[in-house]
């Protein structure tokens, strides 16, 4: 049984949180409210835009605010960005080993396409699951279950890479081995959310051992 690699996008395939922080700070400032990175991590990180804006700006149109926020994010992102360290090497290994993979994200499709294109890896993922296009988004397990179905794999094969508590909870609820990325949160916070382990990035020396937990063909290859 080969492992299937399921990747969150924001903060997992690239370090996008600084862009989101800047956009939210500007958006709140336009409406007379001052926030900082700590507020973003505490109140916003990993949540749905519509939930955020409905709660914090009850008199505004949450969809309109969401659309404006995401357009500003794409403008800040531009057309080129660096993928997370070690990601390309991991994808090359997945190609060589025949490991299936997917991106599973709560980002809007326009953002997901823009981010994957900016890091030059859109063609490396045939399966792209968008939370808003599922019955429910993360922290519900529906997006991860949709990815498993699209790849034709089961939870016992699946490894999910996540950077937010809501994403970790979704992956765990779907039955995937869940590895946290310490791009914004530390190991303790990711484990409190339910992560089985955490890595600094995809070049982390502990990653091959974690993948081996789902790679039951390894023994056959080395026998």
N, C-alpha and C. Protein backbone atom coordinates (compact mmCIF):
# COMPACT_ATOMS: atom_id res chain seq x y z
N UNK A 1 0.85 -1.19 0.00
CA UNK A 1 0.00 0.00 0.00
C UNK A 1 0.89 1.24 0.00
N UNK A 2 0.76 2.07 -1.01
CA UNK A 2 1.56 3.29 -1.12
C UNK A 2 0.87 4.43 -0.39
N UNK A 3 1.64 5.36 0.15
CA UNK A 3 1.03 6.51 0.80
C UNK A 3 0.41 7.47 -0.21
N UNK A 4 -0.64 8.14 0.21
CA UNK A 4 -1.24 9.22 -0.58
C UNK A 4 -0.99 10.52 0.18
N UNK A 5 -0.48 11.52 -0.51
CA UNK A 5 -0.10 12.78 0.11
C UNK A 5 -1.17 13.83 -0.14
N UNK A 6 -1.74 14.36 0.93
CA UNK A 6 -2.82 15.35 0.85
C UNK A 6 -2.31 16.65 1.48
N UNK A 7 -2.23 17.68 0.68
CA UNK A 7 -1.62 18.93 1.12
C UNK A 7 -2.64 20.05 1.27
N UNK A 8 -2.65 20.68 2.44
CA UNK A 8 -3.25 22.00 2.55
C UNK A 8 -2.42 22.95 1.68
N UNK A 9 -2.91 24.16 1.47
CA UNK A 9 -2.22 25.09 0.57
C UNK A 9 -1.64 26.29 1.32
N UNK A 10 -2.50 27.19 1.79
CA UNK A 10 -2.03 28.37 2.52
C UNK A 10 -1.19 27.97 3.73
N UNK A 11 0.04 28.46 3.80
CA UNK A 11 0.88 28.18 4.96
C UNK A 11 1.49 26.80 4.96
N UNK A 12 1.16 26.00 3.95
CA UNK A 12 1.67 24.63 3.87
C UNK A 12 2.53 24.44 2.62
N UNK A 13 2.01 24.81 1.47
CA UNK A 13 2.81 24.74 0.24
C UNK A 13 3.62 26.01 0.02
N UNK A 14 3.21 27.09 0.64
CA UNK A 14 3.98 28.33 0.60
C UNK A 14 3.67 29.12 1.86
N UNK A 15 4.57 30.03 2.22
CA UNK A 15 4.40 30.84 3.42
C UNK A 15 3.57 32.07 3.07
N UNK A 16 2.28 31.90 3.12
CA UNK A 16 1.35 32.95 2.67
C UNK A 16 0.77 33.76 3.82
N UNK A 17 0.94 33.31 5.06
CA UNK A 17 0.31 34.03 6.17
C UNK A 17 0.72 35.50 6.25
N UNK A 18 2.00 35.87 6.02
CA UNK A 18 2.33 37.31 6.07
C UNK A 18 1.51 38.15 5.10
N UNK A 19 1.18 37.59 3.94
CA UNK A 19 0.35 38.32 2.99
C UNK A 19 -1.07 38.48 3.53
N UNK A 20 -1.62 37.40 4.08
CA UNK A 20 -2.97 37.47 4.64
C UNK A 20 -3.02 38.46 5.80
N UNK A 21 -2.01 38.43 6.66
CA UNK A 21 -1.98 39.36 7.79
C UNK A 21 -2.03 40.80 7.30
N UNK A 22 -1.19 41.12 6.32
CA UNK A 22 -1.14 42.50 5.80
C UNK A 22 -2.47 42.91 5.19
N UNK A 23 -3.11 42.00 4.46
CA UNK A 23 -4.39 42.32 3.83
C UNK A 23 -5.47 42.54 4.88
N UNK A 24 -5.53 41.68 5.88
CA UNK A 24 -6.54 41.86 6.93
C UNK A 24 -6.30 43.15 7.71
N UNK A 25 -5.04 43.48 8.01
CA UNK A 25 -4.75 44.73 8.73
C UNK A 25 -5.28 45.92 7.93
N UNK A 26 -5.02 45.93 6.63
CA UNK A 26 -5.50 47.03 5.78
C UNK A 26 -7.02 47.07 5.73
N UNK A 27 -7.63 45.90 5.59
CA UNK A 27 -9.09 45.83 5.47
C UNK A 27 -9.77 46.33 6.75
N UNK A 28 -9.25 45.92 7.89
CA UNK A 28 -9.82 46.38 9.16
C UNK A 28 -9.58 47.88 9.34
N UNK A 29 -8.38 48.36 8.94
CA UNK A 29 -8.07 49.78 9.09
C UNK A 29 -9.02 50.64 8.27
N UNK A 30 -9.40 50.17 7.09
CA UNK A 30 -10.35 50.91 6.25
C UNK A 30 -11.69 51.08 6.94
N UNK A 31 -11.97 50.21 7.90
CA UNK A 31 -13.24 50.27 8.63
C UNK A 31 -13.04 50.74 10.07
N UNK A 32 -11.90 51.39 10.31
CA UNK A 32 -11.67 52.04 11.60
C UNK A 32 -11.27 51.12 12.73
N UNK A 33 -10.76 49.93 12.40
CA UNK A 33 -10.36 49.00 13.46
C UNK A 33 -8.89 48.63 13.27
N UNK A 34 -8.17 48.60 14.39
CA UNK A 34 -6.74 48.28 14.35
C UNK A 34 -6.52 46.87 14.88
N UNK A 35 -5.88 46.04 14.08
CA UNK A 35 -5.53 44.69 14.51
C UNK A 35 -4.05 44.46 14.23
N UNK A 36 -3.51 43.38 14.80
CA UNK A 36 -2.11 43.04 14.57
C UNK A 36 -2.00 41.54 14.27
N UNK A 37 -0.78 41.07 14.13
CA UNK A 37 -0.57 39.67 13.79
C UNK A 37 -1.12 38.74 14.87
N UNK A 38 -0.98 39.12 16.14
CA UNK A 38 -1.48 38.28 17.23
C UNK A 38 -2.99 38.12 17.11
N UNK A 39 -3.70 39.20 16.77
CA UNK A 39 -5.14 39.11 16.58
C UNK A 39 -5.46 38.17 15.42
N UNK A 40 -4.71 38.31 14.33
CA UNK A 40 -4.92 37.44 13.17
C UNK A 40 -4.79 35.97 13.57
N UNK A 41 -3.72 35.64 14.28
CA UNK A 41 -3.49 34.24 14.65
C UNK A 41 -4.57 33.74 15.61
N UNK A 42 -5.05 34.61 16.47
CA UNK A 42 -6.03 34.21 17.49
C UNK A 42 -7.45 34.13 16.95
N UNK A 43 -7.82 35.08 16.09
CA UNK A 43 -9.23 35.22 15.70
C UNK A 43 -9.52 34.86 14.26
N UNK A 44 -8.50 34.80 13.40
CA UNK A 44 -8.74 34.68 11.96
C UNK A 44 -8.12 33.44 11.35
N UNK A 45 -6.91 33.11 11.72
CA UNK A 45 -6.14 32.04 11.08
C UNK A 45 -6.93 30.74 10.98
N UNK A 46 -7.07 30.24 9.75
CA UNK A 46 -7.72 28.95 9.53
C UNK A 46 -9.23 28.99 9.46
N UNK A 47 -9.84 30.16 9.65
CA UNK A 47 -11.30 30.26 9.65
C UNK A 47 -11.81 30.68 8.28
N UNK A 48 -13.12 30.47 8.06
CA UNK A 48 -13.77 30.90 6.82
C UNK A 48 -13.98 32.40 6.83
N UNK A 49 -13.75 33.04 5.69
CA UNK A 49 -13.98 34.48 5.57
C UNK A 49 -15.40 34.88 5.99
N UNK A 50 -16.38 34.14 5.50
CA UNK A 50 -17.76 34.54 5.76
C UNK A 50 -18.07 34.50 7.25
N UNK A 51 -17.52 33.52 7.95
CA UNK A 51 -17.71 33.45 9.40
C UNK A 51 -17.01 34.61 10.09
N UNK A 52 -15.79 34.91 9.65
CA UNK A 52 -15.02 36.00 10.25
C UNK A 52 -15.76 37.32 10.12
N UNK A 53 -16.16 37.65 8.88
CA UNK A 53 -16.76 38.96 8.63
C UNK A 53 -18.16 39.06 9.22
N UNK A 54 -18.92 37.97 9.21
CA UNK A 54 -20.25 38.01 9.81
C UNK A 54 -20.16 38.27 11.31
N UNK A 55 -19.14 37.72 11.95
CA UNK A 55 -18.97 37.89 13.39
C UNK A 55 -18.42 39.27 13.74
N UNK A 56 -17.41 39.72 13.01
CA UNK A 56 -16.69 40.93 13.40
C UNK A 56 -17.25 42.20 12.76
N UNK A 57 -17.98 42.05 11.65
CA UNK A 57 -18.61 43.20 10.99
C UNK A 57 -20.06 42.85 10.67
N UNK A 58 -20.89 42.72 11.70
CA UNK A 58 -22.27 42.22 11.49
C UNK A 58 -23.13 43.11 10.60
N UNK A 59 -22.75 44.39 10.43
CA UNK A 59 -23.56 45.29 9.61
C UNK A 59 -23.10 45.33 8.15
N UNK A 60 -22.04 44.60 7.82
CA UNK A 60 -21.49 44.61 6.46
C UNK A 60 -21.94 43.36 5.71
N UNK A 61 -21.71 43.36 4.41
CA UNK A 61 -21.99 42.19 3.58
C UNK A 61 -20.76 41.29 3.63
N UNK A 62 -20.84 40.12 4.28
CA UNK A 62 -19.65 39.29 4.43
C UNK A 62 -19.08 38.79 3.11
N UNK A 63 -19.96 38.54 2.13
CA UNK A 63 -19.45 38.07 0.84
C UNK A 63 -18.70 39.18 0.12
N UNK A 64 -19.21 40.39 0.20
CA UNK A 64 -18.52 41.52 -0.43
C UNK A 64 -17.16 41.75 0.20
N UNK A 65 -17.10 41.66 1.53
CA UNK A 65 -15.82 41.83 2.22
C UNK A 65 -14.86 40.70 1.87
N UNK A 66 -15.39 39.50 1.78
CA UNK A 66 -14.55 38.36 1.43
C UNK A 66 -13.97 38.52 0.03
N UNK A 67 -14.79 38.91 -0.89
CA UNK A 67 -14.32 39.09 -2.27
C UNK A 67 -13.22 40.16 -2.34
N UNK A 68 -13.41 41.25 -1.60
CA UNK A 68 -12.42 42.33 -1.59
C UNK A 68 -11.13 41.86 -0.95
N UNK A 69 -11.25 41.10 0.12
CA UNK A 69 -10.05 40.60 0.80
C UNK A 69 -9.25 39.69 -0.11
N UNK A 70 -9.91 38.76 -0.78
CA UNK A 70 -9.20 37.80 -1.62
C UNK A 70 -8.61 38.45 -2.86
N UNK A 71 -9.27 39.45 -3.42
CA UNK A 71 -8.70 40.18 -4.55
C UNK A 71 -7.42 40.90 -4.12
N UNK A 72 -7.44 41.49 -2.92
CA UNK A 72 -6.25 42.16 -2.40
C UNK A 72 -5.12 41.17 -2.14
N UNK A 73 -5.49 39.98 -1.66
CA UNK A 73 -4.47 38.95 -1.44
C UNK A 73 -3.80 38.56 -2.75
N UNK A 74 -4.59 38.32 -3.79
CA UNK A 74 -4.01 37.91 -5.07
C UNK A 74 -3.11 39.01 -5.64
N UNK A 75 -3.49 40.27 -5.41
CA UNK A 75 -2.65 41.37 -5.89
C UNK A 75 -1.31 41.38 -5.17
N UNK A 76 -1.33 41.17 -3.85
CA UNK A 76 -0.08 41.13 -3.08
C UNK A 76 0.76 39.91 -3.46
N UNK A 77 0.11 38.80 -3.73
CA UNK A 77 0.83 37.57 -4.08
C UNK A 77 1.64 37.75 -5.35
N UNK A 78 1.04 38.37 -6.36
CA UNK A 78 1.72 38.52 -7.64
C UNK A 78 1.81 37.20 -8.39
N UNK A 79 2.79 37.11 -9.27
CA UNK A 79 2.88 35.94 -10.14
C UNK A 79 4.01 34.98 -9.78
N UNK A 80 4.82 35.33 -8.80
CA UNK A 80 5.93 34.46 -8.41
C UNK A 80 6.06 34.41 -6.90
N UNK A 81 6.23 33.20 -6.37
CA UNK A 81 6.43 33.00 -4.94
C UNK A 81 7.26 31.74 -4.75
N UNK A 82 7.89 31.64 -3.58
CA UNK A 82 8.73 30.48 -3.30
C UNK A 82 7.89 29.36 -2.68
N UNK A 83 8.01 28.14 -3.19
CA UNK A 83 7.35 27.02 -2.51
C UNK A 83 8.03 26.73 -1.17
N UNK A 84 7.35 26.04 -0.31
CA UNK A 84 7.92 25.67 0.98
C UNK A 84 9.20 24.86 0.75
N UNK A 85 10.24 25.10 1.53
CA UNK A 85 11.48 24.34 1.35
C UNK A 85 11.24 22.83 1.38
N UNK A 86 11.87 22.14 0.45
CA UNK A 86 11.76 20.69 0.37
C UNK A 86 10.57 20.18 -0.39
N UNK A 87 9.62 21.07 -0.75
CA UNK A 87 8.40 20.61 -1.40
C UNK A 87 8.67 19.99 -2.77
N UNK A 88 9.47 20.65 -3.59
CA UNK A 88 9.72 20.14 -4.94
C UNK A 88 10.40 18.77 -4.87
N UNK A 89 11.34 18.61 -3.96
CA UNK A 89 12.01 17.31 -3.81
C UNK A 89 11.01 16.23 -3.40
N UNK A 90 10.09 16.58 -2.51
CA UNK A 90 9.08 15.61 -2.09
C UNK A 90 8.18 15.23 -3.26
N UNK A 91 7.78 16.20 -4.06
CA UNK A 91 6.94 15.90 -5.22
C UNK A 91 7.69 15.05 -6.24
N UNK A 92 8.99 15.32 -6.40
CA UNK A 92 9.80 14.49 -7.30
C UNK A 92 9.84 13.05 -6.80
N UNK A 93 9.98 12.89 -5.49
CA UNK A 93 9.98 11.54 -4.93
C UNK A 93 8.63 10.87 -5.14
N UNK A 94 7.56 11.63 -4.94
CA UNK A 94 6.22 11.08 -5.15
C UNK A 94 6.04 10.63 -6.59
N UNK A 95 6.55 11.41 -7.54
CA UNK A 95 6.49 11.02 -8.95
C UNK A 95 7.23 9.70 -9.17
N UNK A 96 8.43 9.61 -8.62
CA UNK A 96 9.26 8.42 -8.83
C UNK A 96 8.63 7.18 -8.21
N UNK A 97 7.95 7.36 -7.08
CA UNK A 97 7.37 6.22 -6.36
C UNK A 97 5.92 5.94 -6.75
N UNK A 98 5.32 6.82 -7.52
CA UNK A 98 3.93 6.63 -7.90
C UNK A 98 2.95 6.93 -6.79
N UNK A 99 3.31 7.83 -5.88
CA UNK A 99 2.40 8.18 -4.79
C UNK A 99 1.35 9.17 -5.28
N UNK A 100 0.08 8.89 -5.09
CA UNK A 100 -0.95 9.86 -5.46
C UNK A 100 -0.94 11.06 -4.52
N UNK A 101 -1.45 12.19 -5.01
CA UNK A 101 -1.43 13.39 -4.17
C UNK A 101 -2.55 14.34 -4.59
N UNK A 102 -2.89 15.21 -3.66
CA UNK A 102 -3.95 16.19 -3.91
C UNK A 102 -3.70 17.42 -3.05
N UNK A 103 -4.28 18.53 -3.46
CA UNK A 103 -4.34 19.73 -2.63
C UNK A 103 -5.75 19.83 -2.08
N UNK A 104 -5.85 20.11 -0.78
CA UNK A 104 -7.14 20.20 -0.09
C UNK A 104 -7.16 21.52 0.66
N UNK A 105 -7.96 22.47 0.21
CA UNK A 105 -7.86 23.82 0.75
C UNK A 105 -9.22 24.47 0.96
N UNK A 106 -9.28 25.36 1.95
CA UNK A 106 -10.46 26.21 2.14
C UNK A 106 -10.36 27.49 1.33
N UNK A 107 -9.23 27.71 0.66
CA UNK A 107 -9.08 28.93 -0.15
C UNK A 107 -10.06 28.91 -1.31
N UNK A 108 -10.52 30.08 -1.73
CA UNK A 108 -11.36 30.12 -2.94
C UNK A 108 -10.58 29.58 -4.14
N UNK A 109 -11.29 29.08 -5.12
CA UNK A 109 -10.60 28.47 -6.27
C UNK A 109 -9.66 29.46 -6.97
N UNK A 110 -10.09 30.72 -7.12
CA UNK A 110 -9.22 31.70 -7.78
C UNK A 110 -7.90 31.84 -7.02
N UNK A 111 -7.97 31.88 -5.69
CA UNK A 111 -6.75 31.98 -4.89
C UNK A 111 -5.90 30.73 -5.01
N UNK A 112 -6.55 29.57 -4.95
CA UNK A 112 -5.79 28.31 -5.03
C UNK A 112 -5.05 28.22 -6.36
N UNK A 113 -5.73 28.55 -7.42
CA UNK A 113 -5.07 28.52 -8.74
C UNK A 113 -3.93 29.53 -8.79
N UNK A 114 -4.14 30.71 -8.24
CA UNK A 114 -3.10 31.74 -8.25
C UNK A 114 -1.89 31.32 -7.44
N UNK A 115 -2.10 30.74 -6.28
CA UNK A 115 -0.97 30.32 -5.44
C UNK A 115 -0.19 29.19 -6.07
N UNK A 116 -0.88 28.18 -6.58
CA UNK A 116 -0.17 27.06 -7.21
C UNK A 116 0.59 27.52 -8.44
N UNK A 117 0.01 28.46 -9.19
CA UNK A 117 0.71 28.99 -10.36
C UNK A 117 1.93 29.82 -9.94
N UNK A 118 1.78 30.62 -8.88
CA UNK A 118 2.87 31.48 -8.43
C UNK A 118 4.08 30.68 -7.97
N UNK A 119 3.86 29.52 -7.36
CA UNK A 119 4.99 28.70 -6.93
C UNK A 119 5.43 27.72 -8.02
N UNK A 120 4.79 27.81 -9.19
CA UNK A 120 5.20 27.02 -10.34
C UNK A 120 4.86 25.55 -10.27
N UNK A 121 3.80 25.19 -9.51
CA UNK A 121 3.52 23.78 -9.28
C UNK A 121 2.09 23.39 -9.63
N UNK A 122 1.39 24.21 -10.40
CA UNK A 122 0.00 23.86 -10.72
C UNK A 122 -0.10 22.53 -11.43
N UNK A 123 0.85 22.24 -12.32
CA UNK A 123 0.76 21.00 -13.09
C UNK A 123 1.19 19.77 -12.31
N UNK A 124 1.61 19.95 -11.06
CA UNK A 124 2.00 18.81 -10.25
C UNK A 124 0.83 18.21 -9.46
N UNK A 125 -0.34 18.85 -9.55
CA UNK A 125 -1.50 18.39 -8.78
C UNK A 125 -2.71 18.28 -9.71
N UNK A 126 -3.10 17.06 -10.01
CA UNK A 126 -4.30 16.87 -10.82
C UNK A 126 -5.57 17.05 -10.00
N UNK A 127 -5.50 16.73 -8.72
CA UNK A 127 -6.68 16.82 -7.85
C UNK A 127 -6.54 18.05 -6.96
N UNK A 128 -7.51 18.95 -7.08
CA UNK A 128 -7.56 20.16 -6.27
C UNK A 128 -8.96 20.25 -5.66
N UNK A 129 -9.04 20.06 -4.36
CA UNK A 129 -10.32 20.06 -3.65
C UNK A 129 -10.48 21.41 -2.94
N UNK A 130 -11.60 22.08 -3.23
CA UNK A 130 -11.90 23.39 -2.66
C UNK A 130 -13.00 23.21 -1.60
N UNK A 131 -12.72 23.67 -0.38
CA UNK A 131 -13.67 23.48 0.71
C UNK A 131 -15.05 24.00 0.42
N UNK A 132 -15.15 25.19 -0.19
CA UNK A 132 -16.46 25.79 -0.47
C UNK A 132 -17.24 25.01 -1.52
N UNK A 133 -16.56 24.13 -2.26
CA UNK A 133 -17.24 23.32 -3.27
C UNK A 133 -17.66 21.96 -2.73
N UNK A 134 -17.33 21.71 -1.46
CA UNK A 134 -17.75 20.47 -0.79
C UNK A 134 -19.02 20.75 0.03
N UNK A 135 -19.57 19.69 0.57
CA UNK A 135 -20.77 19.85 1.41
C UNK A 135 -20.49 20.81 2.56
N UNK A 136 -19.30 20.67 3.16
CA UNK A 136 -18.83 21.58 4.21
C UNK A 136 -17.32 21.70 4.07
N UNK A 137 -16.78 22.83 4.48
CA UNK A 137 -15.34 23.02 4.46
C UNK A 137 -14.69 22.60 5.76
N UNK A 138 -13.38 22.70 5.82
CA UNK A 138 -12.66 22.44 7.07
C UNK A 138 -13.17 23.40 8.15
N UNK A 139 -13.31 22.97 9.39
CA UNK A 139 -12.76 21.77 10.03
C UNK A 139 -13.56 20.49 9.83
N UNK A 140 -14.62 20.53 9.03
CA UNK A 140 -15.32 19.29 8.70
C UNK A 140 -14.40 18.41 7.85
N UNK A 141 -14.48 17.09 7.99
CA UNK A 141 -13.61 16.20 7.20
C UNK A 141 -14.02 16.05 5.75
N UNK A 142 -15.13 16.66 5.34
CA UNK A 142 -15.64 16.45 3.97
C UNK A 142 -14.59 16.72 2.89
N UNK A 143 -13.80 17.81 2.95
CA UNK A 143 -12.82 18.03 1.88
C UNK A 143 -11.77 16.92 1.80
N UNK A 144 -11.32 16.43 2.93
CA UNK A 144 -10.33 15.34 2.90
C UNK A 144 -10.96 14.05 2.39
N UNK A 145 -12.17 13.79 2.76
CA UNK A 145 -12.84 12.59 2.25
C UNK A 145 -13.04 12.70 0.74
N UNK A 146 -13.34 13.91 0.26
CA UNK A 146 -13.49 14.10 -1.19
C UNK A 146 -12.17 13.86 -1.90
N UNK A 147 -11.06 14.29 -1.31
CA UNK A 147 -9.75 14.06 -1.92
C UNK A 147 -9.42 12.58 -1.97
N UNK A 148 -9.70 11.86 -0.89
CA UNK A 148 -9.44 10.42 -0.86
C UNK A 148 -10.26 9.71 -1.94
N UNK A 149 -11.52 10.11 -2.08
CA UNK A 149 -12.38 9.50 -3.10
C UNK A 149 -11.86 9.80 -4.50
N UNK A 150 -11.43 11.04 -4.73
CA UNK A 150 -10.92 11.41 -6.05
C UNK A 150 -9.65 10.65 -6.41
N UNK A 151 -8.82 10.37 -5.41
CA UNK A 151 -7.58 9.64 -5.65
C UNK A 151 -7.77 8.12 -5.64
N UNK A 152 -8.91 7.67 -5.14
CA UNK A 152 -9.15 6.23 -5.03
C UNK A 152 -8.33 5.58 -3.93
N UNK A 153 -8.15 6.31 -2.81
CA UNK A 153 -7.37 5.79 -1.68
C UNK A 153 -8.25 5.80 -0.44
N UNK A 154 -7.77 5.13 0.61
CA UNK A 154 -8.51 5.16 1.87
C UNK A 154 -7.69 5.89 2.93
N UNK A 155 -8.32 6.08 4.09
CA UNK A 155 -7.68 6.84 5.16
C UNK A 155 -6.39 6.18 5.64
N UNK A 156 -6.34 4.85 5.59
CA UNK A 156 -5.16 4.13 6.08
C UNK A 156 -3.93 4.42 5.24
N UNK A 157 -4.11 4.90 4.02
CA UNK A 157 -2.99 5.28 3.15
C UNK A 157 -2.60 6.74 3.27
N UNK A 158 -3.48 7.55 3.82
CA UNK A 158 -3.41 8.99 3.62
C UNK A 158 -2.56 9.71 4.66
N UNK A 159 -1.76 10.65 4.17
CA UNK A 159 -0.97 11.55 5.01
C UNK A 159 -1.40 12.96 4.66
N UNK A 160 -1.83 13.71 5.65
CA UNK A 160 -2.25 15.10 5.43
C UNK A 160 -1.23 16.04 6.04
N UNK A 161 -0.93 17.11 5.31
CA UNK A 161 -0.03 18.15 5.78
C UNK A 161 -0.83 19.42 5.99
N UNK A 162 -0.81 19.95 7.22
CA UNK A 162 -1.66 21.09 7.59
C UNK A 162 -0.90 22.06 8.49
N UNK A 163 -1.33 23.32 8.47
CA UNK A 163 -0.68 24.31 9.33
C UNK A 163 -1.62 24.98 10.31
N UNK A 164 -2.93 24.71 10.23
CA UNK A 164 -3.89 25.40 11.09
C UNK A 164 -4.68 24.39 11.92
N UNK A 165 -5.18 24.81 13.09
CA UNK A 165 -6.00 23.90 13.91
C UNK A 165 -7.21 23.37 13.17
N UNK A 166 -7.90 24.21 12.39
CA UNK A 166 -9.10 23.74 11.69
C UNK A 166 -8.73 22.68 10.65
N UNK A 167 -7.61 22.87 9.96
CA UNK A 167 -7.18 21.88 8.98
C UNK A 167 -6.74 20.58 9.63
N UNK A 168 -6.01 20.70 10.73
CA UNK A 168 -5.59 19.49 11.46
C UNK A 168 -6.81 18.69 11.92
N UNK A 169 -7.79 19.39 12.46
CA UNK A 169 -9.00 18.70 12.92
C UNK A 169 -9.73 18.01 11.78
N UNK A 170 -9.78 18.66 10.61
CA UNK A 170 -10.44 18.06 9.45
C UNK A 170 -9.73 16.79 9.00
N UNK A 171 -8.41 16.86 8.92
CA UNK A 171 -7.63 15.71 8.47
C UNK A 171 -7.74 14.55 9.45
N UNK A 172 -7.65 14.87 10.73
CA UNK A 172 -7.77 13.82 11.76
C UNK A 172 -9.14 13.17 11.70
N UNK A 173 -10.19 13.98 11.55
CA UNK A 173 -11.54 13.42 11.51
C UNK A 173 -11.75 12.53 10.30
N UNK A 174 -10.99 12.80 9.22
CA UNK A 174 -11.08 11.96 8.01
C UNK A 174 -10.24 10.70 8.13
N UNK A 175 -9.43 10.59 9.20
CA UNK A 175 -8.65 9.39 9.43
C UNK A 175 -7.24 9.41 8.88
N UNK A 176 -6.79 10.57 8.38
CA UNK A 176 -5.45 10.66 7.82
C UNK A 176 -4.40 10.80 8.92
N UNK A 177 -3.22 10.26 8.68
CA UNK A 177 -2.07 10.60 9.50
C UNK A 177 -1.80 12.08 9.27
N UNK A 178 -1.80 12.87 10.33
CA UNK A 178 -1.79 14.32 10.17
C UNK A 178 -0.49 14.91 10.67
N UNK A 179 0.22 15.57 9.76
CA UNK A 179 1.51 16.18 10.07
C UNK A 179 1.36 17.69 9.99
N UNK A 180 1.66 18.36 11.09
CA UNK A 180 1.57 19.80 11.12
C UNK A 180 2.81 20.47 10.57
N UNK A 181 2.61 21.58 9.86
CA UNK A 181 3.71 22.42 9.38
C UNK A 181 3.87 23.59 10.34
N UNK A 182 5.08 23.75 10.87
CA UNK A 182 5.32 24.81 11.84
C UNK A 182 5.63 26.14 11.13
N UNK A 183 4.79 26.51 10.18
CA UNK A 183 4.99 27.77 9.46
C UNK A 183 4.47 28.95 10.26
N UNK A 184 3.44 28.72 11.08
CA UNK A 184 2.88 29.79 11.91
C UNK A 184 2.73 29.39 13.37
N UNK A 185 2.44 28.12 13.61
CA UNK A 185 2.22 27.62 14.96
C UNK A 185 3.35 26.68 15.36
N UNK A 186 3.56 26.52 16.67
CA UNK A 186 4.62 25.63 17.13
C UNK A 186 4.08 24.20 17.29
N UNK A 187 4.98 23.30 17.63
CA UNK A 187 4.62 21.89 17.75
C UNK A 187 3.51 21.68 18.77
N UNK A 188 3.60 22.37 19.90
CA UNK A 188 2.61 22.17 20.96
C UNK A 188 1.21 22.55 20.50
N UNK A 189 1.10 23.69 19.78
CA UNK A 189 -0.21 24.13 19.31
C UNK A 189 -0.77 23.18 18.27
N UNK A 190 0.07 22.68 17.39
CA UNK A 190 -0.39 21.74 16.36
C UNK A 190 -0.82 20.42 16.98
N UNK A 191 -0.08 19.96 17.97
CA UNK A 191 -0.45 18.71 18.64
C UNK A 191 -1.73 18.88 19.46
N UNK A 192 -1.92 20.04 20.06
CA UNK A 192 -3.17 20.28 20.78
C UNK A 192 -4.37 20.19 19.85
N UNK A 193 -4.18 20.60 18.61
CA UNK A 193 -5.26 20.53 17.63
C UNK A 193 -5.49 19.10 17.14
N UNK A 194 -4.51 18.21 17.39
CA UNK A 194 -4.68 16.82 17.00
C UNK A 194 -3.63 16.27 16.06
N UNK A 195 -2.61 17.07 15.72
CA UNK A 195 -1.57 16.58 14.81
C UNK A 195 -0.81 15.41 15.43
N UNK A 196 -0.48 14.42 14.60
CA UNK A 196 0.29 13.27 15.06
C UNK A 196 1.77 13.61 15.23
N UNK A 197 2.23 14.59 14.47
CA UNK A 197 3.62 15.03 14.50
C UNK A 197 3.68 16.39 13.82
N UNK A 198 4.85 17.02 13.89
CA UNK A 198 5.01 18.28 13.16
C UNK A 198 6.40 18.34 12.55
N UNK A 199 6.51 19.14 11.48
CA UNK A 199 7.78 19.34 10.79
C UNK A 199 7.98 20.83 10.55
N UNK A 200 9.24 21.24 10.42
CA UNK A 200 9.52 22.64 10.12
C UNK A 200 9.10 22.97 8.70
N UNK A 201 9.41 22.08 7.78
CA UNK A 201 9.06 22.20 6.37
C UNK A 201 9.31 20.84 5.73
N UNK A 202 9.24 20.75 4.41
CA UNK A 202 9.34 19.45 3.76
C UNK A 202 10.79 18.96 3.62
N UNK A 203 11.74 19.78 4.07
CA UNK A 203 13.13 19.34 4.13
C UNK A 203 13.48 18.80 5.51
N UNK A 204 12.52 18.75 6.41
CA UNK A 204 12.75 18.27 7.77
C UNK A 204 13.25 16.82 7.74
N UNK A 205 14.35 16.51 8.42
CA UNK A 205 14.90 15.15 8.38
C UNK A 205 14.00 14.09 8.99
N UNK A 206 12.99 14.49 9.75
CA UNK A 206 12.08 13.49 10.32
C UNK A 206 10.99 13.05 9.34
N UNK A 207 10.83 13.77 8.22
CA UNK A 207 9.71 13.49 7.32
C UNK A 207 9.76 12.08 6.72
N UNK A 208 10.90 11.59 6.21
CA UNK A 208 10.89 10.24 5.63
C UNK A 208 10.37 9.17 6.60
N UNK A 209 10.73 9.28 7.87
CA UNK A 209 10.23 8.32 8.84
C UNK A 209 8.74 8.41 9.05
N UNK A 210 8.20 9.63 8.99
CA UNK A 210 6.76 9.79 9.14
C UNK A 210 6.02 9.21 7.94
N UNK A 211 6.55 9.43 6.74
CA UNK A 211 5.92 8.86 5.54
C UNK A 211 5.95 7.34 5.59
N UNK A 212 7.01 6.80 6.15
CA UNK A 212 7.15 5.34 6.22
C UNK A 212 6.02 4.70 7.03
N UNK A 213 5.37 5.46 7.90
CA UNK A 213 4.25 4.92 8.68
C UNK A 213 3.09 4.48 7.78
N UNK A 214 2.97 5.12 6.62
CA UNK A 214 1.90 4.78 5.70
C UNK A 214 2.40 3.99 4.49
N UNK A 215 3.72 3.88 4.34
CA UNK A 215 4.29 3.21 3.16
C UNK A 215 4.57 1.75 3.48
N UNK A 216 3.55 0.91 3.31
CA UNK A 216 3.72 -0.51 3.61
C UNK A 216 4.37 -1.27 2.47
N UNK A 217 4.67 -0.59 1.36
CA UNK A 217 5.40 -1.25 0.27
C UNK A 217 6.91 -1.17 0.49
N UNK A 218 7.34 -0.40 1.50
CA UNK A 218 8.77 -0.18 1.70
C UNK A 218 9.51 -1.49 1.97
N UNK A 219 8.89 -2.31 2.83
CA UNK A 219 9.54 -3.59 3.12
C UNK A 219 9.68 -4.46 1.88
N UNK A 220 8.66 -4.45 1.02
CA UNK A 220 8.71 -5.26 -0.19
C UNK A 220 9.81 -4.77 -1.13
N UNK A 221 10.01 -3.44 -1.18
CA UNK A 221 11.03 -2.90 -2.06
C UNK A 221 12.44 -3.24 -1.60
N UNK A 222 12.60 -3.35 -0.27
CA UNK A 222 13.94 -3.58 0.25
C UNK A 222 14.22 -5.04 0.53
N UNK A 223 13.21 -5.89 0.38
CA UNK A 223 13.40 -7.33 0.67
C UNK A 223 14.25 -8.00 -0.41
